[in-house]
N, C-alpha and C. Protein backbone atom coordinates (compact mmCIF):
# COMPACT_ATOMS: atom_id res chain seq x y z
N MET A 1 9.52 3.40 3.38
CA MET A 1 8.11 4.01 3.28
C MET A 1 7.00 2.85 2.89
N ARG A 2 7.68 2.10 1.94
CA ARG A 2 6.72 0.76 1.28
C ARG A 2 6.39 0.13 2.74
N GLY A 3 7.15 -0.15 3.59
CA GLY A 3 6.88 -1.01 4.65
C GLY A 3 5.86 -0.31 5.68
N VAL A 4 5.82 0.90 5.96
CA VAL A 4 5.10 1.67 6.76
C VAL A 4 3.64 1.77 5.94
N CYS A 5 3.58 2.02 4.75
CA CYS A 5 2.38 1.95 3.99
C CYS A 5 1.83 0.44 4.12
N SER A 6 2.32 -0.51 3.97
CA SER A 6 2.05 -1.89 3.80
C SER A 6 1.22 -2.01 5.35
N ALA A 7 1.99 -1.70 6.42
CA ALA A 7 1.37 -1.84 7.66
C ALA A 7 0.00 -1.19 7.67
N TYR A 8 -0.06 -0.07 7.24
CA TYR A 8 -1.38 0.77 7.28
C TYR A 8 -2.29 0.29 6.48
N TYR A 9 -2.00 -0.27 5.14
CA TYR A 9 -3.22 -0.95 4.34
C TYR A 9 -3.63 -2.05 5.17
N MET A 10 -2.77 -3.00 5.73
CA MET A 10 -2.99 -4.14 6.77
C MET A 10 -3.91 -3.51 7.74
N LYS A 11 -3.72 -2.72 8.44
CA LYS A 11 -4.47 -2.12 9.78
C LYS A 11 -5.84 -1.89 9.13
N GLU A 12 -6.08 -1.16 7.95
CA GLU A 12 -7.23 -0.66 7.45
C GLU A 12 -8.24 -1.94 7.15
N ALA A 13 -7.40 -2.97 6.45
CA ALA A 13 -8.07 -4.00 6.23
C ALA A 13 -8.74 -4.74 7.34
N MET A 14 -7.96 -4.82 8.60
CA MET A 14 -8.28 -5.36 9.79
C MET A 14 -9.41 -4.68 10.27
N ASP A 15 -9.50 -3.27 10.23
CA ASP A 15 -10.62 -2.41 10.71
C ASP A 15 -11.89 -3.05 9.96
N TRP A 16 -11.69 -3.20 8.67
CA TRP A 16 -13.08 -3.38 7.70
C TRP A 16 -13.30 -4.97 8.11
N ALA A 17 -12.53 -5.81 8.45
CA ALA A 17 -12.78 -7.20 8.75
C ALA A 17 -13.63 -7.27 10.12
N LYS A 18 -12.80 -6.61 10.96
CA LYS A 18 -13.51 -6.46 12.35
C LYS A 18 -15.05 -6.03 12.28
N ALA A 19 -15.40 -4.94 11.51
CA ALA A 19 -16.79 -4.37 11.32
C ALA A 19 -17.65 -5.11 10.23
N ASN A 20 -16.89 -6.24 9.66
CA ASN A 20 -17.69 -7.03 8.70
C ASN A 20 -17.45 -8.47 9.00
N GLY A 21 -17.65 -9.12 10.15
CA GLY A 21 -17.83 -10.37 10.29
C GLY A 21 -16.67 -11.11 11.42
N GLY A 22 -15.84 -10.19 11.71
CA GLY A 22 -14.61 -10.47 12.69
C GLY A 22 -13.20 -10.64 11.98
N LEU A 23 -12.19 -10.64 12.76
CA LEU A 23 -10.93 -10.66 12.53
C LEU A 23 -10.51 -12.17 12.17
N THR A 24 -10.93 -12.54 10.85
CA THR A 24 -10.35 -14.02 10.34
C THR A 24 -9.36 -13.52 8.88
N GLY A 25 -8.68 -14.51 8.59
CA GLY A 25 -7.62 -14.38 7.35
C GLY A 25 -8.62 -13.97 6.28
N LYS A 26 -9.57 -14.70 6.05
CA LYS A 26 -10.67 -14.41 4.83
C LYS A 26 -11.07 -13.03 5.09
N ASN A 27 -11.65 -12.61 5.95
CA ASN A 27 -12.00 -11.22 6.18
C ASN A 27 -11.13 -10.29 5.98
N ILE A 28 -9.78 -10.46 6.39
CA ILE A 28 -9.00 -9.45 6.08
C ILE A 28 -8.46 -9.42 4.84
N ARG A 29 -8.44 -10.67 4.15
CA ARG A 29 -8.10 -10.68 2.75
C ARG A 29 -9.32 -9.86 1.98
N ASP A 30 -10.51 -9.87 2.48
CA ASP A 30 -11.50 -9.51 1.60
C ASP A 30 -11.63 -7.91 1.94
N GLY A 31 -10.97 -7.49 3.02
CA GLY A 31 -10.85 -6.16 3.39
C GLY A 31 -9.95 -5.39 2.45
N MET A 32 -8.81 -6.28 1.83
CA MET A 32 -8.05 -5.73 1.11
C MET A 32 -8.66 -5.59 -0.31
N TYR A 33 -9.54 -6.23 -0.69
CA TYR A 33 -10.36 -5.85 -2.07
C TYR A 33 -11.27 -4.97 -1.91
N GLN A 34 -11.51 -4.27 -0.79
CA GLN A 34 -12.56 -3.26 -0.73
C GLN A 34 -12.67 -1.80 -1.46
N ARG A 35 -11.26 -1.79 -1.91
CA ARG A 35 -10.99 -0.14 -2.40
C ARG A 35 -10.33 -0.41 -3.78
N LYS A 36 -10.27 0.55 -4.51
CA LYS A 36 -9.54 0.73 -5.87
C LYS A 36 -8.72 2.02 -5.59
N ASP A 37 -7.37 1.67 -6.13
CA ASP A 37 -6.49 3.05 -5.89
C ASP A 37 -6.67 3.58 -4.47
N TRP A 38 -6.27 2.72 -3.78
CA TRP A 38 -6.47 2.77 -2.15
C TRP A 38 -5.29 3.54 -1.43
N VAL A 39 -5.25 4.48 -0.57
CA VAL A 39 -4.43 5.18 0.12
C VAL A 39 -4.87 5.22 1.42
N PRO A 40 -4.01 4.75 2.37
CA PRO A 40 -4.40 4.88 3.84
C PRO A 40 -4.73 6.16 4.23
N ALA A 41 -5.76 6.40 5.13
CA ALA A 41 -6.02 7.47 5.73
C ALA A 41 -5.12 8.19 6.23
N GLY A 42 -4.77 9.70 5.79
CA GLY A 42 -3.57 10.45 6.51
C GLY A 42 -2.43 10.16 5.85
N LEU A 43 -2.19 9.22 4.89
CA LEU A 43 -1.01 9.11 4.20
C LEU A 43 -1.27 9.63 2.66
N GLU A 44 -1.91 10.40 2.38
CA GLU A 44 -2.17 10.88 0.85
C GLU A 44 -0.79 11.42 0.70
N GLY A 45 -0.19 11.24 -0.69
CA GLY A 45 0.89 11.68 -0.91
C GLY A 45 2.35 11.00 -0.59
N VAL A 46 1.97 10.12 0.34
CA VAL A 46 3.01 9.12 0.96
C VAL A 46 2.82 7.86 0.47
N CYS A 47 1.76 7.24 0.54
CA CYS A 47 1.80 5.79 0.05
C CYS A 47 1.05 5.82 -1.46
N THR A 48 1.74 4.83 -2.21
CA THR A 48 1.00 4.91 -3.56
C THR A 48 -0.32 4.34 -3.65
N PRO A 49 -1.13 4.82 -4.36
CA PRO A 49 -2.50 4.29 -4.65
C PRO A 49 -2.17 2.91 -5.05
N SER A 50 -3.22 1.91 -4.36
CA SER A 50 -2.83 0.49 -4.64
C SER A 50 -4.18 -0.15 -4.81
N THR A 51 -4.30 -1.35 -5.56
CA THR A 51 -5.63 -2.19 -5.58
C THR A 51 -5.21 -3.64 -5.46
N TRP A 52 -5.92 -4.29 -4.61
CA TRP A 52 -5.81 -5.66 -4.46
C TRP A 52 -6.97 -6.31 -5.07
N THR A 53 -7.12 -7.38 -6.01
CA THR A 53 -8.22 -8.04 -6.29
C THR A 53 -8.18 -9.77 -6.16
N ASN A 54 -9.29 -10.17 -6.23
CA ASN A 54 -9.10 -11.69 -6.12
C ASN A 54 -8.31 -12.33 -7.20
N GLU A 55 -8.28 -11.84 -8.31
CA GLU A 55 -7.34 -12.39 -9.32
C GLU A 55 -5.68 -11.99 -9.27
N ASP A 56 -5.59 -10.77 -8.47
CA ASP A 56 -4.14 -10.21 -8.68
C ASP A 56 -3.98 -9.71 -7.04
N HIS A 57 -2.99 -10.07 -6.34
CA HIS A 57 -2.57 -9.77 -4.88
C HIS A 57 -1.52 -8.73 -5.03
N ARG A 58 -1.17 -8.36 -6.34
CA ARG A 58 0.16 -7.28 -6.40
C ARG A 58 -0.43 -5.96 -6.41
N GLY A 59 -0.70 -5.45 -5.22
CA GLY A 59 -1.26 -4.15 -5.00
C GLY A 59 -0.37 -2.81 -5.51
N LEU A 60 0.97 -3.00 -5.31
CA LEU A 60 1.83 -1.94 -5.49
C LEU A 60 2.58 -2.22 -6.85
N THR A 61 2.42 -1.07 -7.62
CA THR A 61 3.05 -1.46 -8.94
C THR A 61 4.02 -0.14 -9.26
N GLN A 62 4.34 0.50 -8.36
CA GLN A 62 5.36 1.79 -8.31
C GLN A 62 6.09 1.64 -7.39
N VAL A 63 7.46 2.09 -7.35
CA VAL A 63 8.56 2.06 -6.44
C VAL A 63 9.03 3.60 -6.73
N THR A 64 8.94 4.39 -5.34
CA THR A 64 9.32 5.46 -5.41
C THR A 64 10.79 5.73 -4.85
N ILE A 65 11.56 6.37 -5.60
CA ILE A 65 13.08 6.49 -4.84
C ILE A 65 13.17 7.94 -4.39
N ASN A 66 13.28 8.12 -3.13
CA ASN A 66 13.43 9.38 -2.26
C ASN A 66 14.91 9.54 -1.81
N SER A 67 15.05 10.82 -1.36
CA SER A 67 16.33 11.24 -0.72
C SER A 67 16.07 11.80 0.54
N GLY A 68 16.29 11.57 1.57
CA GLY A 68 16.00 12.25 2.86
C GLY A 68 17.10 13.18 3.33
N SER A 69 17.08 14.21 4.03
CA SER A 69 17.89 15.15 4.66
C SER A 69 17.28 15.97 5.91
N MET A 70 18.17 16.61 6.57
CA MET A 70 17.41 17.59 7.59
C MET A 70 17.79 19.00 7.14
N LYS A 71 16.78 19.87 7.33
CA LYS A 71 17.10 21.50 6.71
C LYS A 71 16.28 22.09 7.81
N ASP A 72 17.07 22.91 8.40
CA ASP A 72 16.51 23.79 9.69
C ASP A 72 15.79 23.04 10.62
N GLY A 73 16.42 21.76 11.06
CA GLY A 73 15.68 21.12 12.06
C GLY A 73 14.62 20.04 11.60
N LYS A 74 14.31 20.15 10.30
CA LYS A 74 13.14 19.57 10.05
C LYS A 74 13.36 18.44 8.78
N ALA A 75 12.86 17.44 8.78
CA ALA A 75 12.98 16.20 7.72
C ALA A 75 12.47 16.64 6.55
N VAL A 76 13.45 16.64 5.52
CA VAL A 76 13.25 16.72 4.09
C VAL A 76 13.09 15.63 3.20
N ILE A 77 11.98 15.31 2.68
CA ILE A 77 12.25 14.11 1.82
C ILE A 77 11.85 14.80 0.13
N ASP A 78 12.79 14.27 -0.67
CA ASP A 78 12.64 14.88 -1.86
C ASP A 78 12.55 13.44 -2.81
N LYS A 79 11.54 13.65 -3.69
CA LYS A 79 11.30 12.36 -4.62
C LYS A 79 12.14 12.66 -5.93
N ILE A 80 13.00 11.49 -6.29
CA ILE A 80 14.18 11.42 -7.02
C ILE A 80 13.37 10.77 -8.43
N ALA A 81 12.62 9.66 -8.25
CA ALA A 81 12.19 8.96 -9.47
C ALA A 81 11.19 8.17 -8.91
N THR A 82 10.08 7.80 -9.92
CA THR A 82 9.16 6.76 -9.65
C THR A 82 9.23 5.61 -10.91
N ILE A 83 9.14 4.46 -10.31
CA ILE A 83 9.51 3.29 -11.15
C ILE A 83 8.34 2.44 -11.31
N GLU A 84 7.73 2.18 -12.50
CA GLU A 84 6.57 1.61 -12.68
C GLU A 84 7.05 0.15 -13.02
N LEU A 85 6.51 -0.86 -12.05
CA LEU A 85 6.94 -2.15 -12.15
C LEU A 85 5.88 -2.85 -13.18
N PRO A 86 6.26 -3.81 -13.91
CA PRO A 86 5.29 -4.34 -14.84
C PRO A 86 4.62 -5.46 -14.20
N ARG A 87 3.42 -5.78 -14.65
CA ARG A 87 2.57 -6.78 -13.84
C ARG A 87 2.67 -8.24 -14.99
N ARG A 88 3.88 -8.48 -14.77
CA ARG A 88 4.32 -9.87 -15.72
C ARG A 88 3.46 -11.12 -15.05
N ASP A 89 2.77 -11.68 -16.20
CA ASP A 89 2.13 -13.08 -15.74
C ASP A 89 2.82 -14.06 -15.02
N ASP A 90 4.17 -14.16 -15.25
CA ASP A 90 4.97 -15.12 -14.66
C ASP A 90 5.21 -14.74 -13.37
N TRP A 91 4.94 -13.46 -12.99
CA TRP A 91 5.40 -13.05 -11.49
C TRP A 91 4.13 -13.46 -10.54
N LEU A 92 3.09 -13.64 -11.19
CA LEU A 92 1.77 -13.79 -10.41
C LEU A 92 1.83 -15.12 -9.50
N GLY A 93 1.63 -14.75 -8.08
CA GLY A 93 1.80 -16.00 -7.18
C GLY A 93 3.07 -16.17 -6.88
N GLN A 94 4.08 -15.24 -7.25
CA GLN A 94 5.61 -15.54 -6.76
C GLN A 94 5.78 -14.86 -5.46
């Protein structure tokens, strides 16, 4: 799910960049900085709220562990745990 969410964060940053000067690396980066506790549209409850800043590009600080199964022909995803990752200074830029 993190991969899907990452793609949607990037897509929305690219939409912002296109509307604010064009699709350049700098504008896409700046698009990532535009929101705090950001969840891509339509993915509320799926993607973890994330914030990217000029000082810290580590947007995701939580990892959710899920279990998936099928019940009556429908996909069921149960949350097992959420783990908070520390923002250690020695990881910055790694």
